Amino acid sequence: MNGNDPIFESSPTPPTHAPHEDTSVMSTKDWLITLLILWIPCVGIIMPFVWAFGSGNINRRNFFRAQLIMWAISAALVLLMWIAIGAIIFAALGDLFWYF
């Protein structure tokens, strides 16, 4: 075997993150501070977007991306529920108006 064989020349490298990303594990204190910030009115609505799409700790960013996805799914389900309830009420009252 030749030492210049391309199969043996490259070794697998672990995935790398951008140099500015914080990949450290968040402590309990960090999560408590995060939750306290979310309890502040108006700030609790804005900060999940900042943490989800900004640079910073990758664990917090992934958590808030998942949180925003769950918010979107919940909003869609609530909207569908209200549309269904409205359709049921309209169908029930629609028949009532034919008598007047």
N, C-alpha and C. Protein backbone atom coordinates (compact mmCIF):
# COMPACT_ATOMS: atom_id res chain seq x y z
N MET A 1 0.82 -1.18 0.00
CA MET A 1 0.00 0.00 0.00
C MET A 1 0.86 1.24 0.00
N ASN A 2 0.37 2.20 -0.70
CA ASN A 2 1.09 3.46 -0.82
C ASN A 2 0.62 4.42 0.26
N GLY A 3 1.49 5.18 0.84
CA GLY A 3 1.14 6.16 1.87
C GLY A 3 0.38 7.35 1.32
N ASN A 4 0.32 7.48 0.01
CA ASN A 4 -0.38 8.60 -0.61
C ASN A 4 -1.80 8.25 -1.02
N ASP A 5 -2.31 7.14 -0.53
CA ASP A 5 -3.66 6.71 -0.87
C ASP A 5 -4.67 7.72 -0.30
N PRO A 6 -5.58 8.28 -1.12
CA PRO A 6 -6.51 9.31 -0.62
C PRO A 6 -7.49 8.80 0.42
N ILE A 7 -7.72 7.50 0.46
CA ILE A 7 -8.65 6.96 1.46
C ILE A 7 -8.06 7.13 2.86
N PHE A 8 -6.77 6.91 3.00
CA PHE A 8 -6.14 7.00 4.31
C PHE A 8 -5.60 8.39 4.61
N GLU A 9 -5.63 9.25 3.63
CA GLU A 9 -5.03 10.56 3.81
C GLU A 9 -5.90 11.47 4.67
N SER A 10 -7.19 11.43 4.50
CA SER A 10 -8.06 12.33 5.26
C SER A 10 -8.73 11.56 6.39
N SER A 11 -8.77 12.16 7.53
CA SER A 11 -9.44 11.55 8.67
C SER A 11 -10.71 12.35 8.95
N PRO A 12 -11.73 11.70 9.49
CA PRO A 12 -12.98 12.41 9.76
C PRO A 12 -12.76 13.49 10.83
N THR A 13 -13.33 14.64 10.60
CA THR A 13 -13.20 15.73 11.56
C THR A 13 -14.56 15.98 12.19
N PRO A 14 -14.57 16.33 13.46
CA PRO A 14 -15.84 16.60 14.12
C PRO A 14 -16.45 17.88 13.55
N PRO A 15 -17.77 18.00 13.63
CA PRO A 15 -18.41 19.21 13.12
C PRO A 15 -17.92 20.43 13.90
N THR A 16 -17.68 21.47 13.21
CA THR A 16 -17.21 22.69 13.85
C THR A 16 -18.30 23.74 13.82
N HIS A 17 -18.29 24.60 14.80
CA HIS A 17 -19.22 25.71 14.88
C HIS A 17 -18.47 26.98 14.54
N ALA A 18 -19.22 28.00 14.24
CA ALA A 18 -18.59 29.29 13.97
C ALA A 18 -17.81 29.72 15.20
N PRO A 19 -16.71 30.43 15.04
CA PRO A 19 -15.88 30.78 16.19
C PRO A 19 -16.59 31.68 17.21
N HIS A 20 -17.61 32.40 16.81
CA HIS A 20 -18.29 33.29 17.74
C HIS A 20 -19.41 32.60 18.52
N GLU A 21 -19.73 31.36 18.21
CA GLU A 21 -20.82 30.65 18.89
C GLU A 21 -20.38 30.15 20.25
N ASP A 22 -21.27 30.33 21.21
CA ASP A 22 -21.03 29.85 22.56
C ASP A 22 -21.69 28.48 22.68
N THR A 23 -20.87 27.44 22.77
CA THR A 23 -21.41 26.08 22.84
C THR A 23 -21.37 25.51 24.25
N SER A 24 -21.10 26.36 25.23
CA SER A 24 -21.02 25.87 26.61
C SER A 24 -22.41 25.52 27.12
N VAL A 25 -22.44 24.62 28.07
CA VAL A 25 -23.70 24.20 28.67
C VAL A 25 -24.19 25.30 29.60
N MET A 26 -25.49 25.61 29.50
CA MET A 26 -26.05 26.65 30.36
C MET A 26 -26.31 26.07 31.74
N SER A 27 -25.93 26.82 32.75
CA SER A 27 -26.13 26.37 34.13
C SER A 27 -27.56 26.65 34.57
N THR A 28 -27.92 26.14 35.71
CA THR A 28 -29.25 26.39 36.27
C THR A 28 -29.45 27.88 36.50
N LYS A 29 -28.42 28.55 36.95
CA LYS A 29 -28.50 30.00 37.17
C LYS A 29 -28.79 30.72 35.86
N ASP A 30 -28.16 30.31 34.77
CA ASP A 30 -28.41 30.94 33.47
C ASP A 30 -29.86 30.74 33.03
N TRP A 31 -30.39 29.54 33.24
CA TRP A 31 -31.78 29.29 32.87
C TRP A 31 -32.74 30.07 33.75
N LEU A 32 -32.43 30.21 35.04
CA LEU A 32 -33.29 31.01 35.93
C LEU A 32 -33.31 32.47 35.50
N ILE A 33 -32.16 33.01 35.14
CA ILE A 33 -32.10 34.39 34.66
C ILE A 33 -32.89 34.53 33.36
N THR A 34 -32.77 33.55 32.49
CA THR A 34 -33.53 33.56 31.24
C THR A 34 -35.03 33.58 31.52
N LEU A 35 -35.48 32.74 32.44
CA LEU A 35 -36.91 32.70 32.76
C LEU A 35 -37.37 33.98 33.44
N LEU A 36 -36.54 34.56 34.28
CA LEU A 36 -36.90 35.83 34.93
C LEU A 36 -37.05 36.94 33.89
N ILE A 37 -36.19 36.96 32.90
CA ILE A 37 -36.29 37.96 31.84
C ILE A 37 -37.59 37.77 31.06
N LEU A 38 -38.01 36.53 30.87
CA LEU A 38 -39.24 36.27 30.13
C LEU A 38 -40.48 36.74 30.88
N TRP A 39 -40.39 36.89 32.20
CA TRP A 39 -41.54 37.32 32.99
C TRP A 39 -41.77 38.83 32.91
N ILE A 40 -40.82 39.58 32.40
CA ILE A 40 -40.98 41.02 32.29
C ILE A 40 -41.95 41.31 31.14
N PRO A 41 -43.00 42.11 31.41
CA PRO A 41 -43.97 42.40 30.35
C PRO A 41 -43.30 43.04 29.13
N CYS A 42 -43.76 42.70 27.98
CA CYS A 42 -43.28 43.13 26.66
C CYS A 42 -41.90 42.56 26.33
N VAL A 43 -41.00 42.53 27.28
CA VAL A 43 -39.67 41.96 27.05
C VAL A 43 -39.80 40.46 26.82
N GLY A 44 -40.73 39.82 27.52
CA GLY A 44 -40.95 38.39 27.37
C GLY A 44 -41.47 37.99 26.01
N ILE A 45 -41.98 38.97 25.25
CA ILE A 45 -42.44 38.68 23.89
C ILE A 45 -41.31 38.89 22.89
N ILE A 46 -40.47 39.87 23.17
CA ILE A 46 -39.41 40.23 22.22
C ILE A 46 -38.18 39.32 22.36
N MET A 47 -37.80 39.00 23.59
CA MET A 47 -36.55 38.27 23.82
C MET A 47 -36.50 36.88 23.19
N PRO A 48 -37.59 36.11 23.15
CA PRO A 48 -37.48 34.82 22.45
C PRO A 48 -37.04 34.97 20.99
N PHE A 49 -37.48 36.03 20.32
CA PHE A 49 -37.04 36.27 18.95
C PHE A 49 -35.57 36.66 18.90
N VAL A 50 -35.15 37.47 19.85
CA VAL A 50 -33.73 37.88 19.91
C VAL A 50 -32.86 36.67 20.15
N TRP A 51 -33.24 35.83 21.11
CA TRP A 51 -32.43 34.66 21.43
C TRP A 51 -32.50 33.60 20.35
N ALA A 52 -33.62 33.49 19.63
CA ALA A 52 -33.76 32.47 18.59
C ALA A 52 -32.97 32.82 17.34
N PHE A 53 -32.89 34.10 17.01
CA PHE A 53 -32.27 34.49 15.74
C PHE A 53 -30.96 35.25 15.91
N GLY A 54 -30.58 35.57 17.13
CA GLY A 54 -29.33 36.27 17.36
C GLY A 54 -28.19 35.31 17.63
N SER A 55 -27.02 35.88 17.82
CA SER A 55 -25.88 35.04 18.19
C SER A 55 -25.83 34.94 19.70
N GLY A 56 -25.25 33.91 20.19
CA GLY A 56 -25.18 33.67 21.62
C GLY A 56 -25.07 32.18 21.88
N ASN A 57 -25.53 31.79 23.04
CA ASN A 57 -25.44 30.38 23.42
C ASN A 57 -26.31 29.54 22.49
N ILE A 58 -25.71 28.51 21.93
CA ILE A 58 -26.41 27.67 20.95
C ILE A 58 -27.54 26.87 21.60
N ASN A 59 -27.39 26.52 22.89
CA ASN A 59 -28.45 25.79 23.58
C ASN A 59 -29.69 26.66 23.75
N ARG A 60 -29.48 27.91 24.16
CA ARG A 60 -30.61 28.84 24.32
C ARG A 60 -31.24 29.12 22.96
N ARG A 61 -30.42 29.30 21.94
CA ARG A 61 -30.94 29.60 20.60
C ARG A 61 -31.80 28.45 20.08
N ASN A 62 -31.34 27.22 20.23
CA ASN A 62 -32.13 26.07 19.76
C ASN A 62 -33.42 25.92 20.56
N PHE A 63 -33.35 26.16 21.87
CA PHE A 63 -34.55 26.07 22.70
C PHE A 63 -35.60 27.07 22.24
N PHE A 64 -35.19 28.31 22.00
CA PHE A 64 -36.16 29.33 21.63
C PHE A 64 -36.63 29.19 20.18
N ARG A 65 -35.84 28.59 19.33
CA ARG A 65 -36.33 28.26 17.98
C ARG A 65 -37.45 27.23 18.08
N ALA A 66 -37.24 26.22 18.92
CA ALA A 66 -38.28 25.20 19.13
C ALA A 66 -39.51 25.84 19.78
N GLN A 67 -39.29 26.76 20.70
CA GLN A 67 -40.39 27.45 21.37
C GLN A 67 -41.23 28.24 20.35
N LEU A 68 -40.57 28.94 19.44
CA LEU A 68 -41.30 29.71 18.44
C LEU A 68 -42.07 28.80 17.48
N ILE A 69 -41.51 27.65 17.16
CA ILE A 69 -42.23 26.69 16.32
C ILE A 69 -43.49 26.20 17.05
N MET A 70 -43.36 25.92 18.34
CA MET A 70 -44.52 25.47 19.12
C MET A 70 -45.57 26.58 19.22
N TRP A 71 -45.13 27.84 19.36
CA TRP A 71 -46.07 28.96 19.39
C TRP A 71 -46.83 29.03 18.07
N ALA A 72 -46.14 28.87 16.95
CA ALA A 72 -46.78 28.94 15.64
C ALA A 72 -47.79 27.80 15.47
N ILE A 73 -47.42 26.60 15.88
CA ILE A 73 -48.34 25.46 15.79
C ILE A 73 -49.56 25.70 16.67
N SER A 74 -49.36 26.20 17.89
CA SER A 74 -50.46 26.48 18.80
C SER A 74 -51.39 27.55 18.23
N ALA A 75 -50.81 28.61 17.66
CA ALA A 75 -51.63 29.68 17.08
C ALA A 75 -52.45 29.15 15.90
N ALA A 76 -51.86 28.29 15.09
CA ALA A 76 -52.58 27.72 13.95
C ALA A 76 -53.74 26.83 14.44
N LEU A 77 -53.49 26.03 15.48
CA LEU A 77 -54.56 25.17 16.01
C LEU A 77 -55.69 25.99 16.63
N VAL A 78 -55.34 27.05 17.34
CA VAL A 78 -56.38 27.92 17.93
C VAL A 78 -57.18 28.59 16.82
N LEU A 79 -56.52 29.05 15.78
CA LEU A 79 -57.22 29.67 14.66
C LEU A 79 -58.18 28.68 13.99
N LEU A 80 -57.72 27.46 13.78
CA LEU A 80 -58.59 26.44 13.19
C LEU A 80 -59.78 26.13 14.10
N MET A 81 -59.55 26.11 15.41
CA MET A 81 -60.63 25.86 16.36
C MET A 81 -61.67 26.96 16.28
N TRP A 82 -61.23 28.22 16.25
CA TRP A 82 -62.18 29.33 16.18
C TRP A 82 -62.93 29.35 14.85
N ILE A 83 -62.27 28.99 13.78
CA ILE A 83 -62.96 28.90 12.49
C ILE A 83 -64.03 27.80 12.54
N ALA A 84 -63.70 26.67 13.14
CA ALA A 84 -64.68 25.57 13.25
C ALA A 84 -65.84 25.98 14.14
N ILE A 85 -65.56 26.63 15.27
CA ILE A 85 -66.65 27.08 16.15
C ILE A 85 -67.51 28.11 15.45
N GLY A 86 -66.87 29.04 14.73
CA GLY A 86 -67.64 30.04 13.99
C GLY A 86 -68.52 29.41 12.92
N ALA A 87 -68.00 28.40 12.23
CA ALA A 87 -68.78 27.72 11.21
C ALA A 87 -69.98 26.99 11.82
N ILE A 88 -69.78 26.39 12.98
CA ILE A 88 -70.88 25.68 13.66
C ILE A 88 -71.95 26.67 14.09
N ILE A 89 -71.51 27.78 14.68
CA ILE A 89 -72.48 28.80 15.12
C ILE A 89 -73.20 29.40 13.92
N PHE A 90 -72.48 29.70 12.87
CA PHE A 90 -73.11 30.27 11.67
C PHE A 90 -74.11 29.29 11.06
N ALA A 91 -73.75 28.02 11.04
CA ALA A 91 -74.67 27.02 10.49
C ALA A 91 -75.92 26.90 11.36
N ALA A 92 -75.75 26.96 12.67
CA ALA A 92 -76.90 26.85 13.56
C ALA A 92 -77.78 28.08 13.48
N LEU A 93 -77.18 29.27 13.43
CA LEU A 93 -77.97 30.50 13.38
C LEU A 93 -78.48 30.78 11.97
N GLY A 94 -77.81 30.25 10.97
CA GLY A 94 -78.27 30.45 9.60
C GLY A 94 -79.65 29.86 9.38
N ASP A 95 -79.91 28.72 9.94
CA ASP A 95 -81.23 28.12 9.84
C ASP A 95 -82.26 28.92 10.62
N LEU A 96 -81.86 29.53 11.69
CA LEU A 96 -82.77 30.31 12.53
C LEU A 96 -83.26 31.54 11.78
N PHE A 97 -82.42 32.18 10.98
CA PHE A 97 -82.80 33.38 10.28
C PHE A 97 -83.78 33.13 9.13
N TRP A 98 -83.90 31.91 8.66
CA TRP A 98 -84.84 31.62 7.59
C TRP A 98 -86.30 31.71 8.08
N TYR A 99 -86.48 31.63 9.37
CA TYR A 99 -87.84 31.67 9.91
C TYR A 99 -88.35 33.09 10.09
N PHE A 100 -87.49 34.10 10.01
CA PHE A 100 -87.93 35.48 10.23
C PHE A 100 -88.16 36.18 8.97
